Protein backbone atom coordinates (compact mmCIF):
# COMPACT_ATOMS: atom_id res chain seq x y z
CA MET A 1 0.00 0.00 0.00
CA ALA A 2 1.23 3.48 -0.84
CA LYS A 3 0.23 6.89 0.42
CA ILE A 4 -0.30 9.15 -2.59
CA THR A 5 -0.85 12.90 -2.57
CA TYR A 6 -3.17 14.18 -5.30
CA ILE A 7 -3.09 17.97 -5.71
CA GLU A 8 -5.95 19.66 -7.52
CA HIS A 9 -5.17 22.58 -9.83
CA ASN A 10 -6.46 24.98 -7.15
CA GLY A 11 -3.96 23.58 -4.62
CA THR A 12 -6.32 21.37 -2.63
CA GLU A 13 -4.44 18.29 -1.46
CA HIS A 14 -5.85 14.80 -0.98
CA VAL A 15 -3.62 12.24 0.72
CA VAL A 16 -4.95 8.69 0.39
CA GLU A 17 -3.70 5.17 0.79
CA VAL A 18 -3.95 3.10 -2.39
CA ASP A 19 -3.68 -0.68 -2.46
CA ASN A 20 -0.84 -2.29 -4.36
CA GLY A 21 -1.88 -3.55 -7.78
CA LEU A 22 -4.32 -0.71 -8.41
CA THR A 23 -3.39 2.19 -10.63
CA VAL A 24 -2.94 5.77 -9.49
CA MET A 25 -6.12 6.51 -11.48
CA GLU A 26 -8.10 3.85 -9.61
CA GLY A 27 -6.86 5.33 -6.34
CA ALA A 28 -8.29 8.71 -7.36
CA ARG A 29 -11.55 7.20 -8.58
CA ASP A 30 -12.05 5.04 -5.49
CA ASN A 31 -11.47 8.03 -3.22
CA ASP A 32 -13.65 10.52 -5.13
CA ILE A 33 -10.75 12.82 -5.93
CA PRO A 34 -11.80 15.53 -8.39
CA GLY A 35 -9.67 16.36 -11.40
CA ILE A 36 -9.08 12.87 -12.75
CA GLU A 37 -12.01 11.95 -14.98
CA ALA A 38 -10.79 8.63 -16.43
CA ASP A 39 -13.43 8.54 -19.16
CA CYS A 40 -12.10 5.33 -20.73
CA GLY A 41 -11.94 3.48 -17.41
CA GLY A 42 -8.21 2.87 -17.56
CA ALA A 43 -7.81 1.45 -21.06
CA CYS A 44 -5.25 4.09 -22.14
CA ALA A 45 -7.75 5.23 -24.77
CA CYS A 46 -8.14 8.86 -23.67
CA SER A 47 -6.12 11.44 -21.78
CA THR A 48 -8.58 12.37 -19.04
CA CYS A 49 -6.45 10.95 -16.23
CA HIS A 50 -3.47 13.14 -17.11
CA VAL A 51 -1.35 14.47 -14.23
CA TYR A 52 2.02 16.07 -13.66
CA ILE A 53 4.28 13.83 -11.58
CA ASP A 54 6.30 15.68 -8.95
CA GLU A 55 9.79 16.11 -10.40
CA THR A 56 11.37 14.17 -7.52
CA TRP A 57 9.38 11.11 -8.64
CA VAL A 58 9.83 11.19 -12.42
CA GLU A 59 12.89 8.92 -12.49
CA LYS A 60 11.42 6.52 -9.91
CA LEU A 61 8.47 5.53 -12.11
CA PRO A 62 8.57 2.99 -14.93
CA LYS A 63 9.11 4.65 -18.30
CA LYS A 64 6.14 5.58 -20.50
CA ASP A 65 5.36 3.10 -23.23
CA GLU A 66 4.55 4.14 -26.80
CA MET A 67 0.77 3.98 -26.29
CA GLU A 68 0.90 6.31 -23.29
CA GLU A 69 3.21 8.70 -25.17
CA ASP A 70 0.70 8.80 -28.04
CA MET A 71 -2.28 9.45 -25.75
CA LEU A 72 -0.44 12.25 -23.94
CA ASP A 73 -0.43 14.15 -27.24
CA PHE A 74 -4.17 14.64 -26.64
CA ALA A 75 -3.80 15.84 -23.03
CA PHE A 76 -4.25 19.45 -21.98
CA GLU A 77 -0.84 21.17 -21.83
CA PRO A 78 1.31 18.05 -21.52
CA ASN A 79 4.85 18.32 -20.22
CA THR A 80 7.34 16.02 -21.93
CA VAL A 81 9.06 15.22 -18.63
CA THR A 82 6.40 15.20 -15.91
CA SER A 83 3.13 14.30 -17.69
CA ARG A 84 1.75 10.81 -17.12
CA LEU A 85 -1.56 9.03 -17.52
CA THR A 86 -2.48 7.74 -14.08
CA CYS A 87 -4.13 4.65 -15.57
CA GLN A 88 -0.67 3.50 -16.64
CA VAL A 89 1.04 3.81 -13.26
CA LYS A 90 0.64 0.71 -11.06
CA VAL A 91 0.82 1.23 -7.32
CA THR A 92 3.49 -0.61 -5.34
CA ASP A 93 5.11 0.01 -1.97
CA ALA A 94 7.86 1.83 -3.87
CA LEU A 95 5.37 4.61 -4.72
CA ASP A 96 4.73 5.48 -1.07
CA GLY A 97 4.86 9.28 -0.93
CA LEU A 98 4.14 9.87 -4.63
CA ILE A 99 2.86 13.37 -5.44
CA VAL A 100 0.77 14.12 -8.54
CA ARG A 101 -0.70 17.43 -9.66
CA MET A 102 -3.77 17.78 -11.84
CA PRO A 103 -3.91 20.13 -14.82
CA SER A 104 -6.50 22.91 -14.86
CA LYS A 105 -8.74 20.73 -17.04
CA GLN A 106 -8.91 17.35 -18.74
CA ILE A 107 -9.70 17.01 -22.44
């Protein structure tokens, strides 16, 4: 289980514990965290679970695969370094303390 901090665009923080094996997106969905819409349900078929990973965590996460890279092209104001789709980030104990920030909108 990992404690993850989700920060809304307005600065509101939500710190929740997410079970291992779930995705960061499922953690947001299961805890009613606003700002992550996840329209496709986690199939990497949209960009509505886009977040900016805290820079201290970027190198600690598995690399983006080609499908995620392609979908990020459709995200609102993606950042080539910090943008991730939360449906593609699996939670493990190693993610304890992860911080993600939501963009001002999802498209």
